N, C-alpha and C. Protein backbone atom coordinates (compact mmCIF):
# COMPACT_ATOMS: atom_id res chain seq x y z
N MET A 1 -10.66 -40.03 -2.40
CA MET A 1 -9.77 -39.00 -2.90
C MET A 1 -8.35 -39.56 -2.94
N THR A 2 -7.60 -39.17 -3.92
CA THR A 2 -6.21 -39.59 -4.05
C THR A 2 -5.37 -38.87 -3.01
N THR A 3 -4.43 -39.59 -2.42
CA THR A 3 -3.57 -38.95 -1.42
C THR A 3 -2.47 -38.16 -2.10
N ARG A 4 -1.85 -37.29 -1.33
CA ARG A 4 -0.76 -36.48 -1.85
C ARG A 4 0.37 -37.36 -2.38
N ALA A 5 0.72 -38.40 -1.66
CA ALA A 5 1.81 -39.29 -2.07
C ALA A 5 1.48 -40.00 -3.39
N GLU A 6 0.22 -40.43 -3.53
CA GLU A 6 -0.17 -41.10 -4.77
C GLU A 6 -0.18 -40.14 -5.95
N ASN A 7 -0.52 -38.90 -5.70
CA ASN A 7 -0.69 -37.92 -6.78
C ASN A 7 0.63 -37.32 -7.24
N THR A 8 1.63 -37.21 -6.37
CA THR A 8 2.86 -36.52 -6.74
C THR A 8 3.64 -37.26 -7.82
N HIS A 9 3.53 -38.59 -7.90
CA HIS A 9 4.28 -39.29 -8.93
C HIS A 9 3.73 -39.01 -10.32
N ASP A 10 2.50 -38.54 -10.42
CA ASP A 10 1.90 -38.22 -11.70
C ASP A 10 2.29 -36.84 -12.20
N GLN A 11 2.82 -35.98 -11.33
CA GLN A 11 3.18 -34.64 -11.74
C GLN A 11 4.52 -34.65 -12.44
N ARG A 12 4.57 -33.97 -13.57
CA ARG A 12 5.84 -33.82 -14.28
C ARG A 12 6.64 -32.70 -13.64
N GLU A 13 7.93 -32.74 -13.79
CA GLU A 13 8.81 -31.70 -13.26
C GLU A 13 8.34 -30.33 -13.77
N GLY A 14 8.20 -29.38 -12.86
CA GLY A 14 7.77 -28.04 -13.24
C GLY A 14 6.27 -27.88 -13.38
N ASP A 15 5.52 -28.97 -13.17
CA ASP A 15 4.06 -28.91 -13.30
C ASP A 15 3.35 -28.76 -11.96
N GLU A 16 4.10 -28.45 -10.90
CA GLU A 16 3.45 -28.31 -9.60
C GLU A 16 2.49 -27.13 -9.66
N PRO A 17 1.32 -27.32 -9.09
CA PRO A 17 0.40 -26.19 -9.02
C PRO A 17 1.03 -25.06 -8.20
N THR A 18 0.77 -23.84 -8.62
CA THR A 18 1.31 -22.66 -7.95
C THR A 18 0.17 -21.87 -7.36
N LEU A 19 0.30 -21.53 -6.09
CA LEU A 19 -0.70 -20.72 -5.41
C LEU A 19 -0.54 -19.27 -5.84
N ARG A 20 -1.62 -18.67 -6.30
CA ARG A 20 -1.63 -17.24 -6.66
C ARG A 20 -2.75 -16.60 -5.86
N VAL A 21 -2.42 -15.60 -5.09
CA VAL A 21 -3.40 -14.89 -4.29
C VAL A 21 -3.40 -13.44 -4.73
N HIS A 22 -4.55 -12.95 -5.13
CA HIS A 22 -4.65 -11.54 -5.51
C HIS A 22 -5.65 -10.88 -4.57
N LEU A 23 -5.15 -9.99 -3.76
CA LEU A 23 -5.98 -9.27 -2.81
C LEU A 23 -6.01 -7.80 -3.18
N TRP A 24 -7.16 -7.20 -3.00
CA TRP A 24 -7.27 -5.77 -3.21
C TRP A 24 -8.38 -5.24 -2.33
N LEU A 25 -8.40 -3.94 -2.19
CA LEU A 25 -9.45 -3.27 -1.45
C LEU A 25 -10.21 -2.39 -2.43
N GLU A 26 -11.51 -2.35 -2.27
CA GLU A 26 -12.30 -1.50 -3.14
C GLU A 26 -13.40 -0.83 -2.35
N THR A 27 -13.93 0.21 -2.93
CA THR A 27 -15.08 0.91 -2.37
C THR A 27 -16.24 0.68 -3.33
N GLY A 28 -17.37 1.27 -3.05
CA GLY A 28 -18.50 1.18 -3.96
C GLY A 28 -18.20 1.81 -5.31
N GLU A 29 -17.16 2.60 -5.35
CA GLU A 29 -16.76 3.28 -6.59
C GLU A 29 -15.65 2.55 -7.34
N GLY A 30 -15.22 1.40 -6.85
CA GLY A 30 -14.21 0.61 -7.56
C GLY A 30 -12.93 0.42 -6.78
N MET A 31 -11.88 0.07 -7.53
CA MET A 31 -10.57 -0.25 -6.96
C MET A 31 -10.03 0.89 -6.10
N PHE A 32 -9.53 0.50 -4.94
CA PHE A 32 -8.96 1.47 -3.99
C PHE A 32 -7.46 1.24 -3.82
N PHE A 33 -7.06 0.01 -3.50
CA PHE A 33 -5.64 -0.29 -3.28
C PHE A 33 -5.42 -1.78 -3.44
N GLY A 34 -4.33 -2.14 -4.11
CA GLY A 34 -4.00 -3.54 -4.31
C GLY A 34 -2.55 -3.69 -4.74
N LEU A 35 -2.20 -4.88 -5.20
CA LEU A 35 -0.82 -5.15 -5.59
C LEU A 35 -0.34 -4.25 -6.72
N GLY A 36 -1.23 -3.91 -7.63
CA GLY A 36 -0.82 -3.02 -8.72
C GLY A 36 -0.39 -1.66 -8.20
N ARG A 37 -1.14 -1.12 -7.24
CA ARG A 37 -0.76 0.16 -6.65
C ARG A 37 0.57 0.01 -5.90
N VAL A 38 0.71 -1.10 -5.18
CA VAL A 38 1.95 -1.35 -4.45
C VAL A 38 3.13 -1.40 -5.42
N GLN A 39 2.98 -2.16 -6.50
CA GLN A 39 4.06 -2.27 -7.49
C GLN A 39 4.41 -0.90 -8.08
N LEU A 40 3.39 -0.14 -8.39
CA LEU A 40 3.61 1.18 -8.96
C LEU A 40 4.36 2.07 -7.98
N LEU A 41 3.93 2.09 -6.74
CA LEU A 41 4.61 2.91 -5.74
C LEU A 41 6.04 2.43 -5.49
N GLN A 42 6.26 1.13 -5.46
CA GLN A 42 7.62 0.61 -5.27
C GLN A 42 8.53 1.06 -6.40
N LEU A 43 8.02 1.02 -7.61
CA LEU A 43 8.84 1.43 -8.75
C LEU A 43 9.07 2.94 -8.78
N VAL A 44 8.10 3.73 -8.38
CA VAL A 44 8.31 5.17 -8.27
C VAL A 44 9.42 5.42 -7.25
N ASP A 45 9.38 4.71 -6.14
CA ASP A 45 10.40 4.85 -5.11
C ASP A 45 11.78 4.48 -5.66
N LYS A 46 11.84 3.42 -6.41
CA LYS A 46 13.12 2.95 -6.96
C LYS A 46 13.62 3.84 -8.09
N LEU A 47 12.73 4.24 -8.99
CA LEU A 47 13.13 4.96 -10.20
C LEU A 47 13.03 6.48 -10.06
N GLY A 48 12.25 6.95 -9.09
CA GLY A 48 12.08 8.38 -8.91
C GLY A 48 11.19 9.03 -9.95
N SER A 49 10.49 8.22 -10.72
CA SER A 49 9.69 8.73 -11.83
C SER A 49 8.41 7.92 -11.99
N LEU A 50 7.28 8.60 -11.99
CA LEU A 50 6.01 7.93 -12.24
C LEU A 50 5.95 7.44 -13.68
N ASN A 51 6.48 8.23 -14.60
CA ASN A 51 6.49 7.85 -16.01
C ASN A 51 7.30 6.57 -16.23
N GLN A 52 8.49 6.50 -15.67
CA GLN A 52 9.32 5.30 -15.81
C GLN A 52 8.68 4.10 -15.11
N ALA A 53 8.07 4.33 -13.97
CA ALA A 53 7.40 3.24 -13.24
C ALA A 53 6.25 2.70 -14.08
N ALA A 54 5.47 3.60 -14.68
CA ALA A 54 4.35 3.18 -15.53
C ALA A 54 4.85 2.36 -16.71
N LYS A 55 5.89 2.83 -17.36
CA LYS A 55 6.46 2.09 -18.51
C LYS A 55 6.94 0.71 -18.09
N ALA A 56 7.57 0.62 -16.94
CA ALA A 56 8.08 -0.66 -16.45
C ALA A 56 6.95 -1.66 -16.22
N LEU A 57 5.76 -1.15 -15.91
CA LEU A 57 4.60 -2.01 -15.68
C LEU A 57 3.73 -2.15 -16.92
N GLY A 58 4.15 -1.55 -18.02
CA GLY A 58 3.41 -1.69 -19.27
C GLY A 58 2.11 -0.89 -19.30
N MET A 59 2.09 0.22 -18.61
CA MET A 59 0.88 1.06 -18.62
C MET A 59 1.25 2.48 -19.02
N SER A 60 0.26 3.24 -19.39
CA SER A 60 0.50 4.62 -19.76
C SER A 60 0.69 5.48 -18.51
N TYR A 61 1.34 6.60 -18.70
CA TYR A 61 1.50 7.56 -17.61
C TYR A 61 0.13 8.00 -17.11
N ARG A 62 -0.77 8.25 -18.05
CA ARG A 62 -2.12 8.70 -17.69
C ARG A 62 -2.83 7.68 -16.80
N ALA A 63 -2.73 6.40 -17.15
CA ALA A 63 -3.36 5.35 -16.35
C ALA A 63 -2.73 5.29 -14.96
N ALA A 64 -1.41 5.37 -14.89
CA ALA A 64 -0.72 5.33 -13.60
C ALA A 64 -1.12 6.53 -12.74
N TRP A 65 -1.11 7.71 -13.35
CA TRP A 65 -1.48 8.93 -12.63
C TRP A 65 -2.92 8.83 -12.12
N GLY A 66 -3.81 8.33 -12.96
CA GLY A 66 -5.20 8.18 -12.58
C GLY A 66 -5.38 7.25 -11.39
N ARG A 67 -4.64 6.16 -11.36
CA ARG A 67 -4.74 5.21 -10.24
C ARG A 67 -4.23 5.83 -8.94
N ILE A 68 -3.12 6.52 -9.04
CA ILE A 68 -2.57 7.18 -7.85
C ILE A 68 -3.54 8.25 -7.36
N LYS A 69 -4.03 9.08 -8.27
CA LYS A 69 -4.95 10.15 -7.89
C LYS A 69 -6.24 9.61 -7.28
N ARG A 70 -6.75 8.52 -7.82
CA ARG A 70 -7.97 7.91 -7.30
C ARG A 70 -7.78 7.48 -5.85
N THR A 71 -6.67 6.84 -5.57
CA THR A 71 -6.39 6.40 -4.20
C THR A 71 -6.17 7.60 -3.29
N GLU A 72 -5.45 8.61 -3.77
CA GLU A 72 -5.25 9.82 -2.97
C GLU A 72 -6.57 10.50 -2.62
N GLU A 73 -7.49 10.55 -3.58
CA GLU A 73 -8.81 11.16 -3.33
C GLU A 73 -9.55 10.41 -2.23
N LEU A 74 -9.52 9.09 -2.28
CA LEU A 74 -10.21 8.30 -1.28
C LEU A 74 -9.55 8.38 0.09
N LEU A 75 -8.22 8.52 0.11
CA LEU A 75 -7.49 8.64 1.37
C LEU A 75 -7.59 10.05 1.95
N GLY A 76 -7.71 11.04 1.05
CA GLY A 76 -7.69 12.42 1.49
C GLY A 76 -6.29 12.93 1.79
N GLU A 77 -5.28 12.17 1.34
CA GLU A 77 -3.87 12.53 1.56
C GLU A 77 -3.06 12.11 0.35
N PRO A 78 -1.95 12.81 0.08
CA PRO A 78 -1.12 12.44 -1.07
C PRO A 78 -0.27 11.20 -0.82
N LEU A 79 0.01 10.49 -1.91
CA LEU A 79 0.93 9.35 -1.87
C LEU A 79 2.29 9.74 -2.44
N LEU A 80 2.28 10.72 -3.33
CA LEU A 80 3.51 11.18 -3.98
C LEU A 80 3.71 12.66 -3.72
N THR A 81 4.97 13.04 -3.67
CA THR A 81 5.34 14.44 -3.54
C THR A 81 6.48 14.72 -4.51
N GLN A 82 6.61 15.97 -4.93
CA GLN A 82 7.71 16.34 -5.83
C GLN A 82 9.03 16.00 -5.15
N ALA A 83 9.94 15.44 -5.94
CA ALA A 83 11.26 15.09 -5.40
C ALA A 83 12.02 16.36 -5.04
N ARG A 84 12.77 16.30 -4.00
CA ARG A 84 13.57 17.45 -3.58
C ARG A 84 14.83 17.55 -4.45
N GLY A 85 15.03 18.72 -5.04
CA GLY A 85 16.26 19.00 -5.77
C GLY A 85 16.37 18.34 -7.14
N ARG A 86 15.31 17.73 -7.63
CA ARG A 86 15.36 17.10 -8.95
C ARG A 86 13.95 16.90 -9.47
N LYS A 87 13.86 16.52 -10.73
CA LYS A 87 12.56 16.20 -11.30
C LYS A 87 12.09 14.86 -10.73
N GLY A 88 10.82 14.63 -10.82
CA GLY A 88 10.29 13.34 -10.42
C GLY A 88 9.52 13.40 -9.11
N TYR A 89 9.27 12.20 -8.57
CA TYR A 89 8.45 12.07 -7.37
C TYR A 89 9.13 11.23 -6.32
N GLU A 90 8.69 11.45 -5.09
CA GLU A 90 9.07 10.63 -3.95
C GLU A 90 7.79 10.17 -3.26
N LEU A 91 7.88 9.06 -2.56
CA LEU A 91 6.74 8.57 -1.80
C LEU A 91 6.60 9.37 -0.51
N THR A 92 5.37 9.65 -0.14
CA THR A 92 5.13 10.25 1.17
C THR A 92 5.29 9.16 2.23
N GLN A 93 5.34 9.59 3.47
CA GLN A 93 5.44 8.63 4.56
C GLN A 93 4.22 7.70 4.57
N LEU A 94 3.06 8.25 4.26
CA LEU A 94 1.84 7.44 4.17
C LEU A 94 2.00 6.35 3.12
N ALA A 95 2.50 6.71 1.95
CA ALA A 95 2.68 5.72 0.88
C ALA A 95 3.65 4.63 1.31
N ARG A 96 4.73 5.00 1.95
CA ARG A 96 5.71 4.01 2.42
C ARG A 96 5.06 3.04 3.42
N GLU A 97 4.26 3.59 4.31
CA GLU A 97 3.59 2.76 5.32
C GLU A 97 2.56 1.84 4.66
N LEU A 98 1.79 2.35 3.71
CA LEU A 98 0.80 1.52 3.02
C LEU A 98 1.47 0.38 2.25
N VAL A 99 2.56 0.68 1.56
CA VAL A 99 3.29 -0.35 0.82
C VAL A 99 3.79 -1.42 1.77
N SER A 100 4.40 -0.99 2.86
CA SER A 100 4.94 -1.93 3.84
C SER A 100 3.85 -2.80 4.47
N GLN A 101 2.78 -2.18 4.92
CA GLN A 101 1.73 -2.91 5.62
C GLN A 101 0.92 -3.79 4.67
N PHE A 102 0.63 -3.31 3.47
CA PHE A 102 -0.13 -4.12 2.51
C PHE A 102 0.69 -5.34 2.10
N THR A 103 1.98 -5.13 1.85
CA THR A 103 2.86 -6.23 1.46
C THR A 103 2.93 -7.28 2.57
N ALA A 104 3.08 -6.85 3.81
CA ALA A 104 3.14 -7.78 4.94
C ALA A 104 1.82 -8.55 5.07
N TRP A 105 0.70 -7.85 4.93
CA TRP A 105 -0.61 -8.48 5.01
C TRP A 105 -0.78 -9.50 3.89
N HIS A 106 -0.39 -9.15 2.69
CA HIS A 106 -0.51 -10.06 1.55
C HIS A 106 0.32 -11.32 1.79
N GLU A 107 1.55 -11.15 2.27
CA GLU A 107 2.41 -12.30 2.53
C GLU A 107 1.83 -13.20 3.60
N GLU A 108 1.22 -12.62 4.65
CA GLU A 108 0.58 -13.41 5.70
C GLU A 108 -0.60 -14.22 5.15
N VAL A 109 -1.43 -13.58 4.34
CA VAL A 109 -2.58 -14.27 3.77
C VAL A 109 -2.11 -15.38 2.83
N GLU A 110 -1.09 -15.09 2.02
CA GLU A 110 -0.57 -16.09 1.10
C GLU A 110 0.01 -17.30 1.86
N ALA A 111 0.74 -17.04 2.94
CA ALA A 111 1.31 -18.13 3.74
C ALA A 111 0.20 -18.98 4.36
N PHE A 112 -0.84 -18.32 4.87
CA PHE A 112 -1.98 -19.05 5.42
C PHE A 112 -2.65 -19.90 4.35
N ALA A 113 -2.88 -19.32 3.19
CA ALA A 113 -3.54 -20.05 2.09
C ALA A 113 -2.70 -21.25 1.65
N LEU A 114 -1.39 -21.10 1.63
CA LEU A 114 -0.51 -22.20 1.25
C LEU A 114 -0.57 -23.33 2.27
N ARG A 115 -0.57 -22.98 3.55
CA ARG A 115 -0.69 -24.02 4.60
C ARG A 115 -2.02 -24.76 4.48
N ARG A 116 -3.08 -24.02 4.30
CA ARG A 116 -4.41 -24.66 4.20
C ARG A 116 -4.51 -25.51 2.94
N ALA A 117 -3.92 -25.07 1.85
CA ALA A 117 -3.93 -25.87 0.62
C ALA A 117 -3.20 -27.18 0.85
N ALA A 118 -2.08 -27.12 1.56
CA ALA A 118 -1.32 -28.34 1.85
C ALA A 118 -2.12 -29.31 2.71
N GLU A 119 -2.94 -28.77 3.60
CA GLU A 119 -3.77 -29.61 4.47
C GLU A 119 -4.96 -30.21 3.74
N ARG A 120 -5.51 -29.51 2.80
CA ARG A 120 -6.78 -29.90 2.21
C ARG A 120 -6.71 -30.50 0.81
N LEU A 121 -5.68 -30.17 0.07
CA LEU A 121 -5.63 -30.59 -1.33
C LEU A 121 -4.56 -31.66 -1.54
N PRO A 122 -4.75 -32.53 -2.51
CA PRO A 122 -3.85 -33.67 -2.68
C PRO A 122 -2.56 -33.36 -3.44
N TRP A 123 -2.33 -32.13 -3.85
CA TRP A 123 -1.15 -31.82 -4.65
C TRP A 123 -0.09 -31.12 -3.83
N ASP A 124 1.13 -31.20 -4.31
CA ASP A 124 2.21 -30.40 -3.74
C ASP A 124 2.12 -29.04 -4.40
N ILE A 125 1.64 -28.08 -3.65
CA ILE A 125 1.41 -26.74 -4.19
C ILE A 125 2.55 -25.85 -3.74
N ARG A 126 3.11 -25.12 -4.70
CA ARG A 126 4.22 -24.25 -4.35
C ARG A 126 3.75 -22.80 -4.30
N SER A 127 4.51 -22.02 -3.60
CA SER A 127 4.22 -20.60 -3.46
C SER A 127 4.62 -19.88 -4.73
N PHE A 128 3.88 -18.85 -5.08
CA PHE A 128 4.26 -18.01 -6.20
C PHE A 128 5.54 -17.27 -5.86
N GLY A 129 5.71 -16.95 -4.59
CA GLY A 129 6.94 -16.33 -4.12
C GLY A 129 6.91 -14.83 -4.17
N ASN A 130 7.35 -14.21 -3.12
CA ASN A 130 7.49 -12.77 -2.99
C ASN A 130 6.21 -12.01 -3.35
N SER A 131 5.08 -12.66 -3.21
CA SER A 131 3.78 -12.03 -3.45
C SER A 131 3.65 -11.40 -4.83
N GLY A 132 4.51 -11.78 -5.73
CA GLY A 132 4.45 -11.18 -7.06
C GLY A 132 4.96 -9.76 -7.09
N LEU A 133 5.72 -9.34 -6.11
CA LEU A 133 6.18 -7.97 -6.03
C LEU A 133 7.66 -7.84 -6.24
N PRO A 134 8.15 -6.84 -6.91
CA PRO A 134 7.48 -6.09 -7.95
C PRO A 134 7.57 -6.84 -9.28
N GLY A 135 6.96 -6.31 -10.27
CA GLY A 135 7.08 -6.83 -11.61
C GLY A 135 6.01 -7.79 -12.03
N GLY A 136 5.12 -8.18 -11.11
CA GLY A 136 4.01 -9.03 -11.50
C GLY A 136 2.92 -8.22 -12.16
N PRO A 137 1.82 -8.84 -12.49
CA PRO A 137 0.76 -8.11 -13.17
C PRO A 137 0.15 -7.03 -12.29
N ALA A 138 -0.08 -5.88 -12.86
CA ALA A 138 -0.71 -4.78 -12.14
C ALA A 138 -2.22 -4.85 -12.31
N GLU A 139 -2.94 -4.33 -11.33
CA GLU A 139 -4.40 -4.33 -11.48
C GLU A 139 -4.83 -3.23 -12.39
């Protein structure tokens, strides 16, 4: 096998392999929670609007609403609540906790995968960075 030192001179600038980790949770009925849900919730929190969050991610309001509702049904608790004193939505405490904990878990798994790639593979592999949050591809 070629060593890392031997292989790096063959890589052109900007051609370093990038580690991409996509984690999600599912049930027998399909997608439950993943980066797409996290991105959607983060944008609702930032923009105060599910419609604007959906547009920012390139999805329809109906698709965004369906994903949120599906997760709420499986959790048995709401992720969004009507905003106080204005139109739009706010994240529930549960949603804030899920976003925080899922993001931390994803970052830990990505860091572990990057370390193991450095140990096992002959290339200089770079991190995708910030777990692709927000603004990366939604599930």
